[in-house]
Protein backbone atom coordinates (compact mmCIF):
# COMPACT_ATOMS: atom_id res chain seq x y z
CA MET A 1 0.00 0.00 0.00
CA GLU A 2 3.05 2.26 0.11
CA ARG A 3 4.40 4.55 -2.62
CA ARG A 4 5.95 2.72 -5.56
CA SER A 5 9.60 1.86 -5.04
CA ALA A 6 12.28 -0.38 -6.54
CA LYS A 7 10.71 -3.44 -4.91
CA HIS A 8 7.55 -2.99 -7.04
CA CYS A 9 9.27 -4.40 -10.10
CA ASN A 10 6.60 -6.83 -11.35
CA PRO A 11 3.09 -6.12 -12.66
CA GLY A 12 0.68 -6.30 -9.75
CA ASP A 13 3.29 -5.54 -7.08
CA HIS A 14 1.96 -2.02 -6.49
CA TRP A 15 -1.54 -1.55 -5.14
CA LEU A 16 -2.55 0.67 -8.09
CA ASP A 17 -1.24 -1.52 -10.89
CA HIS A 18 -4.73 -2.74 -11.74
CA ALA A 19 -6.51 0.58 -11.29
CA ARG A 20 -8.61 1.53 -14.30
CA CYS A 21 -6.98 3.94 -16.74
CA GLY A 22 -8.11 7.48 -16.05
CA SER A 23 -9.35 6.75 -12.54
CA LEU A 24 -6.46 8.71 -11.02
CA ASP A 25 -6.42 11.62 -13.44
CA GLY A 26 -5.54 14.80 -11.60
CA PHE A 27 -3.35 13.17 -8.98
CA GLY A 28 -0.19 13.40 -11.01
CA THR A 29 1.09 9.85 -10.58
CA ARG A 30 0.09 6.21 -10.31
CA ASP A 31 2.98 5.65 -7.92
CA ILE A 32 1.26 7.22 -4.92
CA GLY A 33 0.83 5.38 -1.62
CA PHE A 34 -2.61 4.55 -0.24
CA PHE A 35 -2.46 6.79 2.83
CA GLU A 36 -0.90 9.58 0.80
CA LEU A 37 -3.80 9.35 -1.64
CA CYS A 38 -6.36 9.42 1.18
CA ALA A 39 -4.77 12.62 2.51
CA LYS A 40 -5.62 14.42 -0.74
CA PHE A 41 -9.39 14.17 -0.19
CA GLU A 42 -11.66 16.21 2.05
CA SER A 43 -14.13 13.32 2.29
CA ILE A 44 -14.00 9.62 1.41
CA GLU A 45 -16.96 7.31 0.79
CA ILE A 46 -16.41 3.57 1.08
CA TRP A 47 -18.97 1.75 -1.06
CA ALA A 48 -19.30 -1.86 0.07
CA ASP A 49 -20.90 -4.68 -1.92
CA PRO A 50 -23.05 -7.19 0.00
CA ARG A 51 -20.99 -10.21 -1.09
CA PRO A 52 -19.19 -12.02 1.75
CA ASN A 53 -15.69 -11.41 0.43
CA ASP A 54 -16.43 -7.70 0.00
CA GLN A 55 -17.57 -7.55 3.61
CA LEU A 56 -14.29 -9.15 4.66
CA VAL A 57 -12.44 -6.50 2.67
CA LEU A 58 -14.52 -3.83 4.39
CA ILE A 59 -13.61 -4.94 7.91
CA TRP A 60 -9.97 -5.33 6.85
CA LEU A 61 -9.94 -1.79 5.45
CA LEU A 62 -11.60 -0.20 8.49
CA ASN A 63 -9.19 -2.06 10.76
CA LEU A 64 -6.27 -0.87 8.63
CA LEU A 65 -7.40 2.76 8.76
CA ARG A 66 -8.33 2.81 12.43
CA PRO A 67 -4.98 4.21 13.70
CA TYR A 68 -5.06 7.06 11.13
CA ARG A 69 -7.44 9.44 12.84
CA GLU A 70 -6.92 12.21 10.29
CA ILE A 71 -8.22 9.83 7.60
CA VAL A 72 -10.97 8.25 9.72
CA THR A 73 -12.60 11.66 10.23
CA LYS A 74 -13.15 11.84 6.45
CA LEU A 75 -14.78 8.42 6.10
CA SER A 76 -18.39 7.56 5.32
CA LEU A 77 -19.93 4.17 4.49
CA VAL A 78 -22.38 3.35 1.71
CA HIS A 79 -23.95 -0.12 1.89
CA ALA A 80 -24.93 -1.27 -1.60
CA ASP A 81 -27.64 -3.86 -2.23
CA ASP A 82 -26.06 -5.07 -5.46
CA ILE A 83 -22.64 -5.66 -6.98
CA ILE A 84 -21.35 -2.18 -7.79
CA ALA A 85 -18.87 -3.39 -10.41
CA ASN A 86 -21.77 -4.66 -12.54
CA TYR A 87 -22.75 -1.07 -13.30
CA ALA A 88 -21.09 1.74 -15.21
CA ALA A 89 -19.47 4.41 -13.06
CA GLU A 90 -21.79 7.02 -14.57
CA SER A 91 -24.80 4.99 -13.45
CA VAL A 92 -23.47 4.42 -9.93
CA ALA A 93 -22.81 8.15 -9.56
CA LYS A 94 -26.57 8.74 -9.90
CA TRP A 95 -27.54 6.31 -7.13
CA LYS A 96 -29.12 7.95 -4.11
CA LEU A 97 -27.97 5.68 -1.29
CA PRO A 98 -27.70 6.79 2.34
CA THR A 99 -24.26 7.49 3.72
CA PHE A 100 -23.18 6.81 7.29
CA LYS A 101 -20.35 8.68 8.94
CA VAL A 102 -17.75 6.23 10.24
CA ALA A 103 -17.73 6.32 14.03
CA GLU A 104 -15.66 4.62 16.68
CA ASN A 105 -18.14 1.75 17.05
CA HIS A 106 -17.73 0.94 13.33
CA LEU A 107 -13.99 0.70 13.85
CA VAL A 108 -14.25 -1.34 17.04
CA LEU A 109 -16.56 -3.88 15.42
CA ALA A 110 -14.48 -4.07 12.24
CA SER A 111 -11.29 -4.68 14.22
CA ARG A 112 -12.96 -7.35 16.33
CA ALA A 113 -14.39 -9.07 13.25
CA TRP A 114 -11.06 -9.00 11.41
CA ARG A 115 -9.25 -10.46 14.43
CA ALA A 116 -11.95 -13.13 14.65
CA TYR A 117 -11.53 -14.15 11.02
CA ARG A 118 -7.76 -14.38 11.44
CA ALA A 119 -7.99 -16.38 14.68
CA GLN A 120 -6.65 -19.92 14.97
CA THR A 121 -10.16 -21.35 15.28
CA PRO A 122 -13.54 -20.29 13.81
CA GLU A 123 -14.97 -19.84 17.32
CA PRO A 124 -14.51 -16.05 17.51
CA CYS A 125 -16.38 -15.65 14.20
CA PHE A 126 -19.19 -17.84 15.46
CA ASP A 127 -19.30 -15.91 18.74
CA LEU A 128 -19.73 -12.68 16.77
CA LEU A 129 -23.10 -13.97 15.55
CA MET A 130 -24.35 -13.74 19.14
CA THR A 131 -23.61 -10.00 19.27
CA ASP A 132 -25.21 -6.88 17.80
CA LEU A 133 -23.75 -6.38 14.31
CA THR A 134 -26.37 -4.00 12.97
CA ILE A 135 -23.96 -1.09 12.59
CA LEU A 136 -22.38 -3.11 9.75
CA PRO A 137 -25.66 -4.49 8.35
CA ARG A 138 -24.19 -6.91 5.80
CA LEU A 139 -21.67 -8.47 8.17
CA ARG A 140 -23.92 -11.07 9.82
CA PRO A 141 -25.06 -12.77 6.56
CA ALA A 142 -21.48 -12.58 5.31
CA LEU A 143 -20.14 -14.37 8.38
CA ILE A 144 -22.81 -17.06 8.10
CA ALA A 145 -22.01 -17.57 4.41
CA VAL A 146 -18.30 -17.90 5.16
CA LEU A 147 -18.95 -20.30 8.06
CA GLU A 148 -21.03 -22.43 5.68
CA GLU A 149 -17.86 -22.99 3.66
CA LEU A 150 -16.37 -24.94 6.56
CA PRO A 151 -16.54 -28.73 6.16
CA ASP A 152 -20.12 -29.89 6.61
CA SER A 153 -20.90 -31.95 9.71
CA VAL A 154 -21.99 -34.89 7.53
CA THR A 155 -20.28 -34.69 4.12
CA GLY A 156 -17.14 -32.78 5.05
CA LEU A 157 -17.63 -30.42 2.09
CA GLY A 158 -18.37 -26.72 2.14
CA ALA A 159 -21.59 -25.32 0.69
CA THR A 160 -20.02 -24.15 -2.59
CA GLU A 161 -18.27 -27.49 -3.09
CA MET A 162 -21.66 -29.17 -2.81
CA ASP A 163 -23.08 -26.73 -5.36
CA LEU A 164 -20.32 -27.70 -7.79
CA LEU A 165 -21.12 -31.38 -7.36
CA ASP A 166 -24.80 -30.60 -7.84
CA TYR A 167 -24.06 -28.96 -11.20
CA VAL A 168 -22.32 -32.15 -12.35
CA ASN A 169 -25.18 -34.25 -11.02
CA ASP A 170 -27.57 -32.15 -13.13
CA GLY A 171 -25.66 -33.14 -16.26
CA GLU A 172 -23.11 -30.35 -16.69
CA THR A 173 -19.76 -31.76 -17.81
CA ASP A 174 -17.81 -28.65 -18.89
CA PRO A 175 -15.64 -27.59 -15.91
CA ARG A 176 -15.95 -23.93 -16.82
CA ILE A 177 -19.74 -24.13 -16.64
CA VAL A 178 -19.63 -26.23 -13.48
CA CYS A 179 -17.53 -23.51 -11.85
CA ASN A 180 -20.50 -21.17 -12.33
CA GLY A 181 -22.05 -23.08 -9.45
CA ARG A 182 -20.07 -20.69 -7.25
CA LEU A 183 -22.48 -17.92 -8.26
CA ILE A 184 -25.34 -19.53 -6.32
CA ARG A 185 -23.74 -18.30 -3.11
CA ASP A 186 -21.13 -15.89 -4.51
CA VAL A 187 -18.58 -16.63 -1.79
CA PHE A 188 -15.86 -18.09 -4.02
CA GLY A 189 -14.12 -16.19 -6.77
CA GLU A 190 -13.53 -17.85 -10.13
CA ASN A 191 -10.04 -19.05 -9.17
CA ASP A 192 -11.32 -20.36 -5.83
CA ALA A 193 -14.01 -22.38 -7.61
CA ARG A 194 -11.51 -23.76 -10.09
CA ASP A 195 -9.17 -24.82 -7.27
CA ALA A 196 -12.07 -26.44 -5.40
CA LEU A 197 -13.12 -28.35 -8.50
CA LEU A 198 -9.61 -29.62 -9.12
CA GLU A 199 -9.27 -30.62 -5.47
CA LEU A 200 -12.54 -32.58 -5.58
CA GLY A 201 -11.08 -34.60 -8.44
CA GLY A 202 -7.52 -34.74 -7.22
CA HIS A 203 -7.80 -36.87 -4.08
CA PRO A 204 -6.92 -40.58 -3.95
CA THR A 205 -10.65 -41.21 -3.55
CA PRO A 206 -12.15 -38.39 -5.62
CA ALA A 207 -15.68 -37.05 -5.69
CA LEU A 208 -15.27 -36.24 -9.39
CA LEU A 209 -13.52 -37.73 -12.38
CA LEU A 210 -11.77 -34.86 -14.12
CA GLY A 211 -10.83 -36.57 -17.35
CA ASP A 212 -8.08 -38.48 -19.08
CA PRO A 213 -5.28 -39.06 -16.52
CA ALA A 214 -2.72 -38.33 -19.24
CA PHE A 215 -3.74 -34.67 -19.09
CA THR A 216 -2.78 -32.18 -16.40
CA ASN A 217 -5.35 -30.45 -14.23
CA GLU A 218 -5.01 -27.34 -16.38
CA ASP A 219 -5.69 -29.37 -19.52
CA ARG A 220 -8.77 -30.83 -17.93
CA TYR A 221 -10.09 -27.50 -16.72
CA PHE A 222 -9.72 -25.83 -20.11
CA CYS A 223 -11.27 -28.83 -21.87
CA ARG A 224 -8.17 -29.85 -23.77
CA SER A 225 -9.05 -33.36 -22.63
CA GLU A 226 -11.62 -35.31 -24.60
CA TRP A 227 -13.17 -36.43 -21.31
CA LYS A 228 -15.73 -34.50 -19.29
CA LEU A 229 -16.58 -34.22 -15.60
CA THR A 230 -18.48 -37.08 -14.03
CA LEU A 231 -19.43 -37.95 -10.46
CA THR A 232 -17.81 -40.91 -8.76
CA GLU A 233 -19.64 -43.24 -6.41
CA LEU A 234 -18.30 -41.15 -3.54
CA GLY A 235 -19.56 -37.97 -5.21
CA ARG A 236 -23.05 -39.41 -5.50
CA SER A 237 -22.95 -40.53 -1.87
CA LEU A 238 -21.86 -37.07 -0.77
CA LEU A 239 -24.76 -35.44 -2.61
CA ALA A 240 -27.10 -37.89 -0.88
CA ARG A 241 -25.42 -36.96 2.43
CA GLU A 242 -24.52 -40.59 3.01
CA ASP A 243 -20.72 -40.32 3.26
CA ASP A 244 -17.88 -38.14 4.50
CA MET A 245 -15.18 -36.91 2.10
CA TRP A 246 -12.53 -36.95 4.81
CA ARG A 247 -13.24 -40.52 5.87
CA HIS A 248 -11.52 -41.48 2.61
CA ASN A 249 -9.03 -38.64 2.07
CA ARG A 250 -6.71 -36.23 3.83
CA ILE A 251 -7.65 -32.57 4.13
CA TYR A 252 -5.25 -29.67 4.43
CA ARG A 253 -6.57 -26.17 3.86
CA TRP A 254 -7.01 -22.81 5.52
CA TRP A 255 -10.26 -21.13 6.53
CA GLY A 256 -9.29 -17.60 7.48
CA GLY A 257 -6.60 -18.10 10.11
CA THR A 258 -7.73 -21.65 10.92
CA GLU A 259 -5.65 -24.58 9.71
CA LEU A 260 -7.92 -27.50 8.86
CA THR A 261 -6.56 -31.05 8.96
CA ASN A 262 -8.14 -34.45 9.61
CA GLU A 263 -6.95 -34.25 13.19
CA ARG A 264 -8.07 -30.65 13.61
CA LEU A 265 -11.23 -30.49 11.57
CA TRP A 266 -13.76 -27.83 12.45
CA ARG A 267 -17.17 -28.44 10.91
CA TRP A 268 -20.44 -26.59 10.34
CA ASP A 269 -23.87 -28.08 11.03
CA ARG A 270 -26.02 -26.52 8.33
CA GLU A 271 -29.31 -27.60 9.89
CA SER A 272 -28.76 -26.12 13.34
CA ARG A 273 -26.21 -23.50 12.21
CA LEU A 274 -23.80 -24.62 14.88
CA LEU A 275 -20.03 -24.84 14.88
CA ILE A 276 -18.65 -28.29 15.72
CA GLY A 277 -15.14 -28.56 17.10
CA PRO A 278 -12.59 -31.29 16.35
């Protein structure tokens, strides 16, 4: 987030490398640091999408800015009901959405929520659901959606992983189309969905058959293989909620700051919306 320096030698190294052309006209340089840029404005509106990942970015950003009181005094929040990036900037500029001045209780809650997400267990995130989160009105559904991506109490798969399997069960065989199953919940990005799909087919006992074993995972994903996605017996059992993915395979992944392994497997009970410890 700092000003561009010699260490920002590769595309994407600097925080503004992917900023849209023309979006910084009038500021003289695309090498500016984040806090330096904030200092140039008399007021700053943070427009937040309702999607879970955008809510995580919001609490991260408020936590980041909290020590910079001269910037915090300029901040206001706008809570969008739709995905802002789906609309032209000229259209968004005409929206008449309420703005909320950022106050200390916004910052306190954001910092607590960010610490909870980065904690070594999901318990602090779950505990947040028992508190008043209304000052950040999209945070509660976002936390629930993210918790639902923990391994299920029965199948061991997260909600989006089950959606991907369901797409295949409905007859979709093109991995790129199957990855659109992520849009049902809109928690995973495209790369996250692709990685999840490849993982489902990459275990010793897979839930999916990805294609000809002579091809790499990338070949399979981009349909350079003549084979298409199909469910295995385990995949069908998982969709019927009659088996557990991790009874047959090893798991190693991160959920926020929580390391998930077979020996340390936190799960989510989707029926009762309860967190289940290892």
